[in-house]
Amino acid sequence: MSGSFVGKIDCPKCGNENSLNMWEEDGVRTGYCFHHSCKSYFNERALSEVHDSDVAYIEKEPYDISWIDSLQSMDNPIRGLKRGAYAHFGIKHGVITQDGRTLA
């Protein structure tokens, strides 16, 4: 870890006290839990979600999943299910881009 050491807090992932070490470099704070059962890296967004951290909460951007609307329901001969059954439950299939028909 580079930057200057800021302090230690409890790790939310493994639950160990004072095992999450935080550093700050160029105004960006990161952390790492050194406990032998955890060994997890925390970027600034992850630290903002930790209750004990003094990093201001960073709003997550919602995932863009609008591309799913372009997918179709298809027959699945391997499982013996027809397109209608999948469409009834709103299940869509991805296909291999080479032929556009083989289920991915």
Protein backbone atom coordinates (compact mmCIF):
# COMPACT_ATOMS: atom_id res chain seq x y z
CA MET A 1 0.00 0.00 0.00
CA SER A 2 1.27 3.43 -0.85
CA GLY A 3 0.28 6.74 0.66
CA SER A 4 0.01 7.71 4.28
CA PHE A 5 -1.50 5.50 6.98
CA VAL A 6 -4.81 6.88 8.30
CA GLY A 7 -5.94 4.34 10.87
CA LYS A 8 -7.59 1.01 11.60
CA ILE A 9 -11.25 0.07 11.87
CA ASP A 10 -13.22 -3.15 12.32
CA CYS A 11 -13.46 -5.19 9.12
CA PRO A 12 -17.08 -5.67 7.98
CA LYS A 13 -16.14 -8.73 5.93
CA CYS A 14 -14.44 -10.90 8.57
CA GLY A 15 -15.61 -9.07 11.71
CA ASN A 16 -12.18 -8.75 13.31
CA GLU A 17 -11.47 -5.68 15.40
CA ASN A 18 -8.99 -3.14 14.03
CA SER A 19 -7.93 -5.39 11.16
CA LEU A 20 -8.94 -3.07 8.30
CA ASN A 21 -6.04 -0.67 7.72
CA MET A 22 -6.71 2.52 5.76
CA TRP A 23 -4.33 4.63 3.67
CA GLU A 24 -4.81 7.87 1.80
CA GLU A 25 -2.98 9.02 -1.31
CA ASP A 26 -3.89 12.05 -3.45
CA GLY A 27 -7.18 12.44 -1.57
CA VAL A 28 -8.27 8.85 -2.31
CA ARG A 29 -8.66 6.49 0.62
CA THR A 30 -8.24 2.73 0.29
CA GLY A 31 -7.99 -0.10 2.78
CA TYR A 32 -6.83 -3.65 3.28
CA CYS A 33 -7.72 -6.24 5.90
CA PHE A 34 -4.60 -8.11 6.92
CA HIS A 35 -6.37 -10.78 8.99
CA HIS A 36 -5.26 -14.24 7.82
CA SER A 37 -8.86 -15.38 7.15
CA CYS A 38 -9.85 -12.30 5.15
CA LYS A 39 -7.07 -10.51 3.21
CA SER A 40 -9.52 -8.22 1.39
CA TYR A 41 -8.92 -4.97 -0.48
CA PHE A 42 -11.38 -2.10 -0.07
CA ASN A 43 -11.53 0.69 -2.65
CA GLU A 44 -12.95 4.11 -1.82
CA ARG A 45 -16.54 3.09 -2.67
CA ALA A 46 -16.32 -0.01 -0.47
CA LEU A 47 -14.90 2.05 2.40
CA SER A 48 -17.74 4.55 2.05
CA GLU A 49 -20.19 1.74 2.86
CA VAL A 50 -18.36 0.67 6.05
CA HIS A 51 -20.19 1.95 9.13
CA ASP A 52 -17.05 2.85 11.14
CA SER A 53 -15.31 4.58 8.22
CA ASP A 54 -15.22 8.36 7.99
CA VAL A 55 -15.26 8.26 4.17
CA ALA A 56 -18.33 10.04 2.84
CA TYR A 57 -20.91 7.71 1.25
CA ILE A 58 -20.46 7.41 -2.51
CA GLU A 59 -23.71 6.83 -4.39
CA LYS A 60 -23.64 3.76 -6.62
CA GLU A 61 -24.62 4.20 -10.24
CA PRO A 62 -27.45 1.87 -11.25
CA TYR A 63 -26.55 -0.89 -13.66
CA ASP A 64 -27.78 -0.42 -17.23
CA ILE A 65 -29.57 -3.65 -18.07
CA SER A 66 -31.77 -2.27 -20.84
CA TRP A 67 -30.00 -4.57 -23.32
CA ILE A 68 -31.94 -7.50 -21.82
CA ASP A 69 -35.10 -6.21 -23.53
CA SER A 70 -33.54 -7.10 -26.90
CA LEU A 71 -33.17 -10.79 -25.94
CA GLN A 72 -35.82 -13.36 -26.84
CA SER A 73 -37.34 -16.45 -25.27
CA MET A 74 -36.38 -19.56 -27.22
CA ASP A 75 -36.97 -23.31 -27.29
CA ASN A 76 -34.46 -25.29 -25.25
CA PRO A 77 -34.30 -28.80 -26.75
CA ILE A 78 -31.70 -29.97 -24.22
CA ARG A 79 -34.14 -29.40 -21.36
CA GLY A 80 -37.24 -30.19 -23.41
CA LEU A 81 -38.85 -26.81 -22.72
CA LYS A 82 -40.65 -24.70 -25.29
CA ARG A 83 -40.40 -20.97 -25.89
CA GLY A 84 -43.92 -20.40 -24.55
CA ALA A 85 -43.02 -21.74 -21.11
CA TYR A 86 -40.02 -19.43 -20.90
CA ALA A 87 -42.03 -16.45 -22.18
CA HIS A 88 -44.77 -17.09 -19.60
CA PHE A 89 -42.27 -16.58 -16.77
CA GLY A 90 -40.37 -13.74 -18.51
CA ILE A 91 -37.18 -15.76 -19.06
CA LYS A 92 -34.99 -14.63 -21.94
CA HIS A 93 -32.01 -16.35 -23.53
CA GLY A 94 -28.63 -15.15 -24.65
CA VAL A 95 -27.33 -16.60 -27.88
CA ILE A 96 -23.89 -17.09 -29.38
CA THR A 97 -23.13 -14.12 -31.63
CA GLN A 98 -21.67 -16.20 -34.49
CA ASP A 99 -24.95 -17.82 -35.52
CA GLY A 100 -27.54 -15.94 -33.45
CA ARG A 101 -29.45 -19.16 -32.66
CA THR A 102 -27.34 -21.35 -30.37
CA LEU A 103 -28.14 -20.77 -26.70
CA ALA A 104 -25.26 -19.34 -24.72
